[in-house]
Amino acid sequence: MEYLYAFLVGGAICVVGQLLLDFAKLTPAHVMSVFVVLGSILDGFNLYDNLIRFAGAGATVPITSFGHSLLHGAMQSAEEHGFIGIAMGIFELTSAGISSAILFSFLVALIFRAKG
């Protein structure tokens, strides 16, 4: 059943994104920003952790999880280190993903030429 829940929740997030693209005429960058902020808001109200427990990868794979990770890390580190912990915690949980995105985009830029 957990595969079904992951599929349904992940699919519902994708449907919302597609509806925003089609009917609200938002750009993909706007939709991505909305989802990151939405994940942060849901984490601020302690709702996103419940969604992760329910849907597993259906909630951790979409971009909403990035917003959750940013805020979750900042709040957790702020409790330990105070105000300076906010800046430290934002990138603590997401540093591997950010670093790999930079590395792989650099490697792709070395291999392929841009059109234009």
PDB file of N, CA and C in Angstrom:
ATOM      1  N   MET A   1       0.819  -1.201   0.000  1.00  0.00           N
ATOM      2  CA  MET A   1       0.000   0.000   0.000  1.00  0.00           C
ATOM      3  C   MET A   1       0.859   1.261   0.000  1.00  0.00           C
ATOM      4  N   GLU A   2       2.068   1.173   0.574  1.00  0.00           N
ATOM      5  CA  GLU A   2       2.869   2.392   0.638  1.00  0.00           C
ATOM      6  C   GLU A   2       3.301   2.858  -0.753  1.00  0.00           C
ATOM      7  N   TYR A   3       3.464   1.929  -1.701  1.00  0.00           N
ATOM      8  CA  TYR A   3       3.776   2.324  -3.077  1.00  0.00           C
ATOM      9  C   TYR A   3       2.599   3.074  -3.698  1.00  0.00           C
ATOM     10  N   LEU A   4       1.406   2.613  -3.418  1.00  0.00           N
ATOM     11  CA  LEU A   4       0.210   3.274  -3.937  1.00  0.00           C
ATOM     12  C   LEU A   4       0.072   4.672  -3.355  1.00  0.00           C
ATOM     13  N   TYR A   5       0.297   4.804  -2.030  1.00  0.00           N
ATOM     14  CA  TYR A   5       0.218   6.123  -1.401  1.00  0.00           C
ATOM     15  C   TYR A   5       1.281   7.069  -1.965  1.00  0.00           C
ATOM     16  N   ALA A   6       2.483   6.557  -2.167  1.00  0.00           N
ATOM     17  CA  ALA A   6       3.553   7.382  -2.738  1.00  0.00           C
ATOM     18  C   ALA A   6       3.180   7.832  -4.147  1.00  0.00           C
ATOM     19  N   PHE A   7       2.648   6.919  -4.935  1.00  0.00           N
ATOM     20  CA  PHE A   7       2.233   7.249  -6.301  1.00  0.00           C
ATOM     21  C   PHE A   7       1.123   8.291  -6.308  1.00  0.00           C
ATOM     22  N   LEU A   8       0.131   8.137  -5.452  1.00  0.00           N
ATOM     23  CA  LEU A   8      -1.001   9.052  -5.427  1.00  0.00           C
ATOM     24  C   LEU A   8      -0.604  10.444  -4.937  1.00  0.00           C
ATOM     25  N   VAL A   9       0.200  10.509  -3.890  1.00  0.00           N
ATOM     26  CA  VAL A   9       0.598  11.815  -3.358  1.00  0.00           C
ATOM     27  C   VAL A   9       1.563  12.505  -4.316  1.00  0.00           C
ATOM     28  N   GLY A  10       2.561  11.791  -4.816  1.00  0.00           N
ATOM     29  CA  GLY A  10       3.483  12.373  -5.785  1.00  0.00           C
ATOM     30  C   GLY A  10       2.763  12.795  -7.051  1.00  0.00           C
ATOM     31  N   GLY A  11       1.824  11.985  -7.499  1.00  0.00           N
ATOM     32  CA  GLY A  11       1.043  12.323  -8.678  1.00  0.00           C
ATOM     33  C   GLY A  11       0.155  13.525  -8.443  1.00  0.00           C
ATOM     34  N   ALA A  12      -0.414  13.647  -7.247  1.00  0.00           N
ATOM     35  CA  ALA A  12      -1.255  14.800  -6.933  1.00  0.00           C
ATOM     36  C   ALA A  12      -0.433  16.089  -6.936  1.00  0.00           C
ATOM     37  N   ILE A  13       0.788  16.021  -6.432  1.00  0.00           N
ATOM     38  CA  ILE A  13       1.662  17.197  -6.463  1.00  0.00           C
ATOM     39  C   ILE A  13       1.969  17.583  -7.909  1.00  0.00           C
ATOM     40  N   CYS A  14       2.221  16.591  -8.735  1.00  0.00           N
ATOM     41  CA  CYS A  14       2.491  16.865 -10.151  1.00  0.00           C
ATOM     42  C   CYS A  14       1.266  17.422 -10.867  1.00  0.00           C
ATOM     43  N   VAL A  15       0.095  16.931 -10.533  1.00  0.00           N
ATOM     44  CA  VAL A  15      -1.144  17.443 -11.142  1.00  0.00           C
ATOM     45  C   VAL A  15      -1.340  18.905 -10.770  1.00  0.00           C
ATOM     46  N   VAL A  16      -1.089  19.249  -9.517  1.00  0.00           N
ATOM     47  CA  VAL A  16      -1.214  20.647  -9.097  1.00  0.00           C
ATOM     48  C   VAL A  16      -0.231  21.516  -9.893  1.00  0.00           C
ATOM     49  N   GLY A  17       0.994  21.031 -10.060  1.00  0.00           N
ATOM     50  CA  GLY A  17       1.971  21.773 -10.846  1.00  0.00           C
ATOM     51  C   GLY A  17       1.540  21.953 -12.289  1.00  0.00           C
ATOM     52  N   GLN A  18       0.995  20.897 -12.877  1.00  0.00           N
ATOM     53  CA  GLN A  18       0.539  20.992 -14.262  1.00  0.00           C
ATOM     54  C   GLN A  18      -0.643  21.938 -14.401  1.00  0.00           C
ATOM     55  N   LEU A  19      -1.537  21.935 -13.422  1.00  0.00           N
ATOM     56  CA  LEU A  19      -2.671  22.859 -13.451  1.00  0.00           C
ATOM     57  C   LEU A  19      -2.203  24.306 -13.336  1.00  0.00           C
ATOM     58  N   LEU A  20      -1.184  24.532 -12.504  1.00  0.00           N
ATOM     59  CA  LEU A  20      -0.631  25.881 -12.399  1.00  0.00           C
ATOM     60  C   LEU A  20       0.005  26.319 -13.712  1.00  0.00           C
ATOM     61  N   LEU A  21       0.655  25.393 -14.386  1.00  0.00           N
ATOM     62  CA  LEU A  21       1.255  25.724 -15.677  1.00  0.00           C
ATOM     63  C   LEU A  21       0.183  26.018 -16.730  1.00  0.00           C
ATOM     64  N   ASP A  22      -0.860  25.200 -16.784  1.00  0.00           N
ATOM     65  CA  ASP A  22      -1.865  25.311 -17.833  1.00  0.00           C
ATOM     66  C   ASP A  22      -2.868  26.433 -17.612  1.00  0.00           C
ATOM     67  N   PHE A  23      -3.405  26.532 -16.411  1.00  0.00           N
ATOM     68  CA  PHE A  23      -4.504  27.454 -16.183  1.00  0.00           C
ATOM     69  C   PHE A  23      -4.071  28.786 -15.581  1.00  0.00           C
ATOM     70  N   ALA A  24      -3.055  28.781 -14.738  1.00  0.00           N
ATOM     71  CA  ALA A  24      -2.582  30.033 -14.148  1.00  0.00           C
ATOM     72  C   ALA A  24      -1.529  30.693 -15.033  1.00  0.00           C
ATOM     73  N   LYS A  25      -1.110  29.966 -16.074  1.00  0.00           N
ATOM     74  CA  LYS A  25      -0.118  30.475 -17.026  1.00  0.00           C
ATOM     75  C   LYS A  25       1.183  30.892 -16.336  1.00  0.00           C
ATOM     76  N   LEU A  26       1.567  30.130 -15.312  1.00  0.00           N
ATOM     77  CA  LEU A  26       2.835  30.390 -14.634  1.00  0.00           C
ATOM     78  C   LEU A  26       3.966  29.706 -15.391  1.00  0.00           C
ATOM     79  N   THR A  27       5.148  30.239 -15.264  1.00  0.00           N
ATOM     80  CA  THR A  27       6.316  29.603 -15.873  1.00  0.00           C
ATOM     81  C   THR A  27       6.781  28.469 -14.978  1.00  0.00           C
ATOM     82  N   PRO A  28       7.577  27.543 -15.504  1.00  0.00           N
ATOM     83  CA  PRO A  28       8.107  26.476 -14.648  1.00  0.00           C
ATOM     84  C   PRO A  28       8.891  27.004 -13.446  1.00  0.00           C
ATOM     85  N   ALA A  29       9.600  28.116 -13.615  1.00  0.00           N
ATOM     86  CA  ALA A  29      10.342  28.693 -12.487  1.00  0.00           C
ATOM     87  C   ALA A  29       9.394  29.195 -11.400  1.00  0.00           C
ATOM     88  N   HIS A  30       8.254  29.770 -11.819  1.00  0.00           N
ATOM     89  CA  HIS A  30       7.268  30.219 -10.837  1.00  0.00           C
ATOM     90  C   HIS A  30       6.667  29.035 -10.085  1.00  0.00           C
ATOM     91  N   VAL A  31       6.346  27.978 -10.804  1.00  0.00           N
ATOM     92  CA  VAL A  31       5.763  26.793 -10.168  1.00  0.00           C
ATOM     93  C   VAL A  31       6.754  26.172  -9.185  1.00  0.00           C
ATOM     94  N   MET A  32       8.016  26.106  -9.588  1.00  0.00           N
ATOM     95  CA  MET A  32       9.032  25.557  -8.696  1.00  0.00           C
ATOM     96  C   MET A  32       9.143  26.406  -7.427  1.00  0.00           C
ATOM     97  N   SER A  33       9.120  27.715  -7.582  1.00  0.00           N
ATOM     98  CA  SER A  33       9.199  28.603  -6.418  1.00  0.00           C
ATOM     99  C   SER A  33       7.980  28.440  -5.513  1.00  0.00           C
ATOM    100  N   VAL A  34       6.821  28.317  -6.119  1.00  0.00           N
ATOM    101  CA  VAL A  34       5.596  28.117  -5.339  1.00  0.00           C
ATOM    102  C   VAL A  34       5.687  26.826  -4.542  1.00  0.00           C
ATOM    103  N   PHE A  35       6.175  25.774  -5.157  1.00  0.00           N
ATOM    104  CA  PHE A  35       6.281  24.494  -4.457  1.00  0.00           C
ATOM    105  C   PHE A  35       7.305  24.524  -3.326  1.00  0.00           C
ATOM    106  N   VAL A  36       8.421  25.203  -3.530  1.00  0.00           N
ATOM    107  CA  VAL A  36       9.420  25.306  -2.460  1.00  0.00           C
ATOM    108  C   VAL A  36       8.842  26.079  -1.278  1.00  0.00           C
ATOM    109  N   VAL A  37       8.156  27.183  -1.569  1.00  0.00           N
ATOM    110  CA  VAL A  37       7.535  27.965  -0.496  1.00  0.00           C
ATOM    111  C   VAL A  37       6.426  27.166   0.178  1.00  0.00           C
ATOM    112  N   LEU A  38       5.638  26.441  -0.601  1.00  0.00           N
ATOM    113  CA  LEU A  38       4.569  25.620  -0.037  1.00  0.00           C
ATOM    114  C   LEU A  38       5.134  24.535   0.883  1.00  0.00           C
ATOM    115  N   GLY A  39       6.229  23.903   0.481  1.00  0.00           N
ATOM    116  CA  GLY A  39       6.868  22.910   1.339  1.00  0.00           C
ATOM    117  C   GLY A  39       7.367  23.519   2.631  1.00  0.00           C
ATOM    118  N   SER A  40       7.883  24.747   2.571  1.00  0.00           N
ATOM    119  CA  SER A  40       8.335  25.448   3.775  1.00  0.00           C
ATOM    120  C   SER A  40       7.161  25.782   4.691  1.00  0.00           C
ATOM    121  N   ILE A  41       6.080  26.236   4.095  1.00  0.00           N
ATOM    122  CA  ILE A  41       4.906  26.584   4.899  1.00  0.00           C
ATOM    123  C   ILE A  41       4.342  25.336   5.582  1.00  0.00           C
ATOM    124  N   LEU A  42       4.231  24.249   4.833  1.00  0.00           N
ATOM    125  CA  LEU A  42       3.717  23.012   5.429  1.00  0.00           C
ATOM    126  C   LEU A  42       4.631  22.508   6.543  1.00  0.00           C
ATOM    127  N   ASP A  43       5.942  22.684   6.376  1.00  0.00           N
ATOM    128  CA  ASP A  43       6.866  22.283   7.436  1.00  0.00           C
ATOM    129  C   ASP A  43       6.745  23.215   8.631  1.00  0.00           C
ATOM    130  N   GLY A  44       6.494  24.491   8.395  1.00  0.00           N
ATOM    131  CA  GLY A  44       6.322  25.436   9.495  1.00  0.00           C
ATOM    132  C   GLY A  44       5.145  25.086  10.388  1.00  0.00           C
ATOM    133  N   PHE A  45       4.121  24.501   9.810  1.00  0.00           N
ATOM    134  CA  PHE A  45       2.961  24.053  10.576  1.00  0.00           C
ATOM    135  C   PHE A  45       3.043  22.580  10.981  1.00  0.00           C
ATOM    136  N   ASN A  46       4.230  21.983  10.820  1.00  0.00           N
ATOM    137  CA  ASN A  46       4.478  20.570  11.170  1.00  0.00           C
ATOM    138  C   ASN A  46       3.551  19.604  10.436  1.00  0.00           C
ATOM    139  N   LEU A  47       3.200  19.931   9.192  1.00  0.00           N
ATOM    140  CA  LEU A  47       2.343  19.052   8.408  1.00  0.00           C
ATOM    141  C   LEU A  47       3.136  18.193   7.419  1.00  0.00           C
ATOM    142  N   TYR A  48       4.276  18.697   6.957  1.00  0.00           N
ATOM    143  CA  TYR A  48       5.006  17.975   5.917  1.00  0.00           C
ATOM    144  C   TYR A  48       5.621  16.683   6.440  1.00  0.00           C
ATOM    145  N   ASP A  49       6.036  16.654   7.692  1.00  0.00           N
ATOM    146  CA  ASP A  49       6.564  15.410   8.263  1.00  0.00           C
ATOM    147  C   ASP A  49       5.500  14.319   8.288  1.00  0.00           C
ATOM    148  N   ASN A  50       4.267  14.704   8.585  1.00  0.00           N
ATOM    149  CA  ASN A  50       3.172  13.726   8.550  1.00  0.00           C
ATOM    150  C   ASN A  50       2.942  13.217   7.132  1.00  0.00           C
ATOM    151  N   LEU A  51       3.055  14.115   6.148  1.00  0.00           N
ATOM    152  CA  LEU A  51       2.902  13.709   4.756  1.00  0.00           C
ATOM    153  C   LEU A  51       4.012  12.750   4.343  1.00  0.00           C
ATOM    154  N   ILE A  52       5.215  12.993   4.807  1.00  0.00           N
ATOM    155  CA  ILE A  52       6.331  12.086   4.504  1.00  0.00           C
ATOM    156  C   ILE A  52       6.109  10.725   5.140  1.00  0.00           C
ATOM    157  N   ARG A  53       5.639  10.714   6.381  1.00  0.00           N
ATOM    158  CA  ARG A  53       5.362   9.421   7.033  1.00  0.00           C
ATOM    159  C   ARG A  53       4.272   8.649   6.294  1.00  0.00           C
ATOM    160  N   PHE A  54       3.299   9.364   5.742  1.00  0.00           N
ATOM    161  CA  PHE A  54       2.203   8.717   5.035  1.00  0.00           C
ATOM    162  C   PHE A  54       2.616   8.261   3.638  1.00  0.00           C
ATOM    163  N   ALA A  55       3.284   9.142   2.869  1.00  0.00           N
ATOM    164  CA  ALA A  55       3.514   8.874   1.450  1.00  0.00           C
ATOM    165  C   ALA A  55       4.944   8.480   1.118  1.00  0.00           C
ATOM    166  N   GLY A  56       5.871   8.608   2.033  1.00  0.00           N
ATOM    167  CA  GLY A  56       7.258   8.230   1.755  1.00  0.00           C
ATOM    168  C   GLY A  56       7.847   9.020   0.605  1.00  0.00           C
ATOM    169  N   ALA A  57       8.310   8.316  -0.418  1.00  0.00           N
ATOM    170  CA  ALA A  57       8.960   8.951  -1.566  1.00  0.00           C
ATOM    171  C   ALA A  57       8.016   9.840  -2.355  1.00  0.00           C
ATOM    172  N   GLY A  58       6.725   9.627  -2.246  1.00  0.00           N
ATOM    173  CA  GLY A  58       5.769  10.487  -2.922  1.00  0.00           C
ATOM    174  C   GLY A  58       5.810  11.909  -2.394  1.00  0.00           C
ATOM    175  N   ALA A  59       6.338  12.080  -1.182  1.00  0.00           N
ATOM    176  CA  ALA A  59       6.460  13.414  -0.597  1.00  0.00           C
ATOM    177  C   ALA A  59       7.908  13.891  -0.539  1.00  0.00           C
ATOM    178  N   THR A  60       8.878  12.974  -0.573  1.00  0.00           N
ATOM    179  CA  THR A  60      10.276  13.397  -0.467  1.00  0.00           C
ATOM    180  C   THR A  60      10.928  13.673  -1.811  1.00  0.00           C
ATOM    181  N   VAL A  61      10.431  13.112  -2.891  1.00  0.00           N
ATOM    182  CA  VAL A  61      11.038  13.307  -4.209  1.00  0.00           C
ATOM    183  C   VAL A  61      10.651  14.645  -4.849  1.00  0.00           C
ATOM    184  N   PRO A  62       9.401  15.097  -4.788  1.00  0.00           N
ATOM    185  CA  PRO A  62       9.060  16.371  -5.434  1.00  0.00           C
ATOM    186  C   PRO A  62       9.791  17.557  -4.808  1.00  0.00           C
ATOM    187  N   ILE A  63       9.802  18.670  -5.516  1.00  0.00           N
ATOM    188  CA  ILE A  63      10.534  19.869  -5.098  1.00  0.00           C
ATOM    189  C   ILE A  63       9.984  20.457  -3.808  1.00  0.00           C
ATOM    190  N   THR A  64       8.779  20.124  -3.422  1.00  0.00           N
ATOM    191  CA  THR A  64       8.232  20.612  -2.155  1.00  0.00           C
ATOM    192  C   THR A  64       9.085  20.146  -0.987  1.00  0.00           C
ATOM    193  N   SER A  65       9.715  18.997  -1.133  1.00  0.00           N
ATOM    194  CA  SER A  65      10.577  18.477  -0.078  1.00  0.00           C
ATOM    195  C   SER A  65      11.821  19.333   0.113  1.00  0.00           C
ATOM    196  N   PHE A  66      12.261  20.034  -0.937  1.00  0.00           N
ATOM    197  CA  PHE A  66      13.415  20.918  -0.814  1.00  0.00           C
ATOM    198  C   PHE A  66      13.099  22.074   0.129  1.00  0.00           C
ATOM    199  N   GLY A  67      11.920  22.661  -0.009  1.00  0.00           N
ATOM    200  CA  GLY A  67      11.500  23.721   0.906  1.00  0.00           C
ATOM    201  C   GLY A  67      11.386  23.207   2.332  1.00  0.00           C
ATOM    202  N   HIS A  68      10.851  22.006   2.464  1.00  0.00           N
ATOM    203  CA  HIS A  68      10.753  21.372   3.781  1.00  0.00           C
ATOM    204  C   HIS A  68      12.129  21.190   4.385  1.00  0.00           C
ATOM    205  N   SER A  69      13.081  20.710   3.606  1.00  0.00           N
ATOM    206  CA  SER A  69      14.432  20.474   4.111  1.00  0.00           C
ATOM    207  C   SER A  69      15.133  21.773   4.493  1.00  0.00           C
ATOM    208  N   LEU A  70      14.939  22.818   3.700  1.00  0.00           N
ATOM    209  CA  LEU A  70      15.557  24.104   4.024  1.00  0.00           C
ATOM    210  C   LEU A  70      15.058  24.623   5.367  1.00  0.00           C
ATOM    211  N   LEU A  71      13.753  24.673   5.537  1.00  0.00           N
ATOM    212  CA  LEU A  71      13.193  25.210   6.776  1.00  0.00           C
ATOM    213  C   LEU A  71      13.445  24.282   7.950  1.00  0.00           C
ATOM    214  N   HIS A  72      13.338  22.988   7.729  1.00  0.00           N
ATOM    215  CA  HIS A  72      13.544  22.019   8.802  1.00  0.00           C
ATOM    216  C   HIS A  72      14.969  22.119   9.344  1.00  0.00           C
ATOM    217  N   GLY A  73      15.943  22.196   8.448  1.00  0.00           N
ATOM    218  CA  GLY A  73      17.333  22.326   8.873  1.00  0.00           C
ATOM    219  C   GLY A  73      17.590  23.632   9.589  1.00  0.00           C
ATOM    220  N   ALA A  74      17.007  24.715   9.102  1.00  0.00           N
ATOM    221  CA  ALA A  74      17.195  26.025   9.736  1.00  0.00           C
ATOM    222  C   ALA A  74      16.594  26.049  11.130  1.00  0.00           C
ATOM    223  N   MET A  75      15.400  25.508  11.286  1.00  0.00           N
ATOM    224  CA  MET A  75      14.755  25.510  12.599  1.00  0.00           C
ATOM    225  C   MET A  75      15.502  24.622  13.584  1.00  0.00           C
ATOM    226  N   GLN A  76      15.947  23.468  13.122  1.00  0.00           N
ATOM    227  CA  GLN A  76      16.658  22.537  13.989  1.00  0.00           C
ATOM    228  C   GLN A  76      17.992  23.131  14.446  1.00  0.00           C
ATOM    229  N   SER A  77      18.716  23.752  13.537  1.00  0.00           N
ATOM    230  CA  SER A  77      20.000  24.337  13.874  1.00  0.00           C
ATOM    231  C   SER A  77      19.831  25.610  14.703  1.00  0.00           C
ATOM    232  N   ALA A  78      18.753  26.340  14.493  1.00  0.00           N
ATOM    233  CA  ALA A  78      18.500  27.542  15.291  1.00  0.00           C
ATOM    234  C   ALA A  78      18.256  27.188  16.747  1.00  0.00           C
ATOM    235  N   GLU A  79      17.629  26.051  17.002  1.00  0.00           N
ATOM    236  CA  GLU A  79      17.422  25.608  18.382  1.00  0.00           C
ATOM    237  C   GLU A  79      18.742  25.301  19.069  1.00  0.00           C
ATOM    238  N   GLU A  80      19.708  24.759  18.316  1.00  0.00           N
ATOM    239  CA  GLU A  80      20.995  24.390  18.892  1.00  0.00           C
ATOM    240  C   GLU A  80      21.963  25.567  18.999  1.00  0.00           C
ATOM    241  N   HIS A  81      22.026  26.415  17.956  1.00  0.00           N
ATOM    242  CA  HIS A  81      23.067  27.434  17.872  1.00  0.00           C
ATOM    243  C   HIS A  81      22.545  28.861  17.922  1.00  0.00           C
ATOM    244  N   GLY A  82      21.265  29.061  18.045  1.00  0.00           N
ATOM    245  CA  GLY A  82      20.720  30.405  18.081  1.00  0.00           C
ATOM    246  C   GLY A  82      20.563  31.003  16.694  1.00  0.00           C
ATOM    247  N   PHE A  83      20.687  32.323  16.631  1.00  0.00           N
ATOM    248  CA  PHE A  83      20.430  33.055  15.388  1.00  0.00           C
ATOM    249  C   PHE A  83      21.376  32.640  14.266  1.00  0.00           C
ATOM    250  N   ILE A  84      22.654  32.445  14.569  1.00  0.00           N
ATOM    251  CA  ILE A  84      23.625  32.052  13.545  1.00  0.00           C
ATOM    252  C   ILE A  84      23.320  30.646  13.010  1.00  0.00           C
ATOM    253  N   GLY A  85      22.636  29.851  13.778  1.00  0.00           N
ATOM    254  CA  GLY A  85      22.279  28.503  13.360  1.00  0.00           C
ATOM    255  C   GLY A  85      21.314  28.470  12.196  1.00  0.00           C
ATOM    256  N   ILE A  86      20.559  29.552  12.007  1.00  0.00           N
ATOM    257  CA  ILE A  86      19.625  29.604  10.879  1.00  0.00           C
ATOM    258  C   ILE A  86      20.394  29.489   9.572  1.00  0.00           C
ATOM    259  N   ALA A  87      21.441  30.294   9.420  1.00  0.00           N
ATOM    260  CA  ALA A  87      22.233  30.262   8.188  1.00  0.00           C
ATOM    261  C   ALA A  87      22.976  28.942   8.032  1.00  0.00           C
ATOM    262  N   MET A  88      23.429  28.376   9.143  1.00  0.00           N
ATOM    263  CA  MET A  88      24.140  27.094   9.068  1.00  0.00           C
ATOM    264  C   MET A  88      23.192  25.959   8.705  1.00  0.00           C
ATOM    265  N   GLY A  89      22.015  25.961   9.274  1.00  0.00           N
ATOM    266  CA  GLY A  89      21.094  24.850   9.110  1.00  0.00           C
ATOM    267  C   GLY A  89      20.413  24.784   7.763  1.00  0.00           C
ATOM    268  N   ILE A  90      20.280  25.938   7.090  1.00  0.00           N
ATOM    269  CA  ILE A  90      19.602  25.953   5.796  1.00  0.00           C
ATOM    270  C   ILE A  90      20.290  24.995   4.830  1.00  0.00           C
ATOM    271  N   PHE A  91      21.613  24.998   4.834  1.00  0.00           N
ATOM    272  CA  PHE A  91      22.343  24.205   3.851  1.00  0.00           C
ATOM    273  C   PHE A  91      22.848  22.882   4.400  1.00  0.00           C
ATOM    274  N   GLU A  92      22.655  22.628   5.674  1.00  0.00           N
ATOM    275  CA  GLU A  92      23.143  21.376   6.263  1.00  0.00           C
ATOM    276  C   GLU A  92      22.450  20.153   5.667  1.00  0.00           C
ATOM    277  N   LEU A  93      21.142  20.203   5.555  1.00  0.00           N
ATOM    278  CA  LEU A  93      20.406  19.056   5.032  1.00  0.00           C
ATOM    279  C   LEU A  93      20.400  18.990   3.513  1.00  0.00           C
ATOM    280  N   THR A  94      20.633  20.122   2.854  1.00  0.00           N
ATOM    281  CA  THR A  94      20.493  20.167   1.396  1.00  0.00           C
ATOM    282  C   THR A  94      21.820  20.299   0.665  1.00  0.00           C
ATOM    283  N   SER A  95      22.932  20.313   1.391  1.00  0.00           N
ATOM    284  CA  SER A  95      24.222  20.582   0.748  1.00  0.00           C
ATOM    285  C   SER A  95      24.613  19.513  -0.271  1.00  0.00           C
ATOM    286  N   ALA A  96      24.301  18.272  -0.017  1.00  0.00           N
ATOM    287  CA  ALA A  96      24.651  17.212  -0.980  1.00  0.00           C
ATOM    288  C   ALA A  96      23.899  17.391  -2.293  1.00  0.00           C
ATOM    289  N   GLY A  97      22.625  17.710  -2.225  1.00  0.00           N
ATOM    290  CA  GLY A  97      21.842  17.921  -3.443  1.00  0.00           C
ATOM    291  C   GLY A  97      22.277  19.148  -4.206  1.00  0.00           C
ATOM    292  N   ILE A  98      22.552  20.230  -3.498  1.00  0.00           N
ATOM    293  CA  ILE A  98      22.998  21.454  -4.159  1.00  0.00           C
ATOM    294  C   ILE A  98      24.366  21.241  -4.799  1.00  0.00           C
ATOM    295  N   SER A  99      25.272  20.603  -4.070  1.00  0.00           N
ATOM    296  CA  SER A  99      26.623  20.364  -4.603  1.00  0.00           C
ATOM    297  C   SER A  99      26.596  19.462  -5.824  1.00  0.00           C
ATOM    298  N   SER A 100      25.782  18.413  -5.776  1.00  0.00           N
ATOM    299  CA  SER A 100      25.724  17.523  -6.936  1.00  0.00           C
ATOM    300  C   SER A 100      25.082  18.206  -8.140  1.00  0.00           C
ATOM    301  N   ALA A 101      24.104  19.078  -7.922  1.00  0.00           N
ATOM    302  CA  ALA A 101      23.500  19.819  -9.037  1.00  0.00           C
ATOM    303  C   ALA A 101      24.534  20.733  -9.698  1.00  0.00           C
ATOM    304  N   ILE A 102      25.352  21.383  -8.901  1.00  0.00           N
ATOM    305  CA  ILE A 102      26.399  22.251  -9.453  1.00  0.00           C
ATOM    306  C   ILE A 102      27.426  21.426 -10.216  1.00  0.00           C
ATOM    307  N   LEU A 103      27.868  20.320  -9.623  1.00  0.00           N
ATOM    308  CA  LEU A 103      28.884  19.470 -10.251  1.00  0.00           C
ATOM    309  C   LEU A 103      28.388  18.887 -11.574  1.00  0.00           C
ATOM    310  N   PHE A 104      27.194  18.316 -11.575  1.00  0.00           N
ATOM    311  CA  PHE A 104      26.693  17.671 -12.785  1.00  0.00           C
ATOM    312  C   PHE A 104      26.363  18.691 -13.879  1.00  0.00           C
ATOM    313  N   SER A 105      25.884  19.867 -13.511  1.00  0.00           N
ATOM    314  CA  SER A 105      25.627  20.871 -14.544  1.00  0.00           C
ATOM    315  C   SER A 105      26.936  21.378 -15.137  1.00  0.00           C
ATOM    316  N   PHE A 106      27.995  21.449 -14.336  1.00  0.00           N
ATOM    317  CA  PHE A 106      29.307  21.816 -14.864  1.00  0.00           C
ATOM    318  C   PHE A 106      29.817  20.750 -15.831  1.00  0.00           C
ATOM    319  N   LEU A 107      29.661  19.480 -15.457  1.00  0.00           N
ATOM    320  CA  LEU A 107      30.121  18.389 -16.328  1.00  0.00           C
ATOM    321  C   LEU A 107      29.334  18.356 -17.637  1.00  0.00           C
ATOM    322  N   VAL A 108      28.053  18.572 -17.572  1.00  0.00           N
ATOM    323  CA  VAL A 108      27.234  18.598 -18.786  1.00  0.00           C
ATOM    324  C   VAL A 108      27.634  19.772 -19.664  1.00  0.00           C
ATOM    325  N   ALA A 109      27.948  20.917 -19.046  1.00  0.00           N
ATOM    326  CA  ALA A 109      28.375  22.084 -19.820  1.00  0.00           C
ATOM    327  C   ALA A 109      29.703  21.826 -20.512  1.00  0.00           C
ATOM    328  N   LEU A 110      30.560  21.007 -19.927  1.00  0.00           N
ATOM    329  CA  LEU A 110      31.835  20.665 -20.567  1.00  0.00           C
ATOM    330  C   LEU A 110      31.636  19.737 -21.760  1.00  0.00           C
ATOM    331  N   ILE A 111      30.652  18.856 -21.674  1.00  0.00           N
ATOM    332  CA  ILE A 111      30.454  17.829 -22.703  1.00  0.00           C
ATOM    333  C   ILE A 111      29.640  18.364 -23.881  1.00  0.00           C
ATOM    334  N   PHE A 112      28.583  19.109 -23.624  1.00  0.00           N
ATOM    335  CA  PHE A 112      27.669  19.543 -24.676  1.00  0.00           C
ATOM    336  C   PHE A 112      27.828  21.035 -24.955  1.00  0.00           C
ATOM    337  N   ARG A 113      27.505  21.431 -26.172  1.00  0.00           N
ATOM    338  CA  ARG A 113      27.529  22.843 -26.550  1.00  0.00           C
ATOM    339  C   ARG A 113      26.109  23.391 -26.532  1.00  0.00           C
ATOM    340  N   ALA A 114      25.974  24.615 -26.086  1.00  0.00           N
ATOM    341  CA  ALA A 114      24.674  25.271 -26.086  1.00  0.00           C
ATOM    342  C   ALA A 114      24.325  25.722 -27.503  1.00  0.00           C
ATOM    343  N   LYS A 115      23.052  25.614 -27.861  1.00  0.00           N
ATOM    344  CA  LYS A 115      22.596  26.093 -29.166  1.00  0.00           C
ATOM    345  C   LYS A 115      22.337  27.586 -29.050  1.00  0.00           C
ATOM    346  N   GLY A 116      22.627  28.287 -30.121  1.00  0.00           N
ATOM    347  CA  GLY A 116      22.254  29.689 -30.092  1.00  0.00           C
ATOM    348  C   GLY A 116      23.283  30.583 -30.474  1.00  0.00           C
TER     349      GLY A 116
END
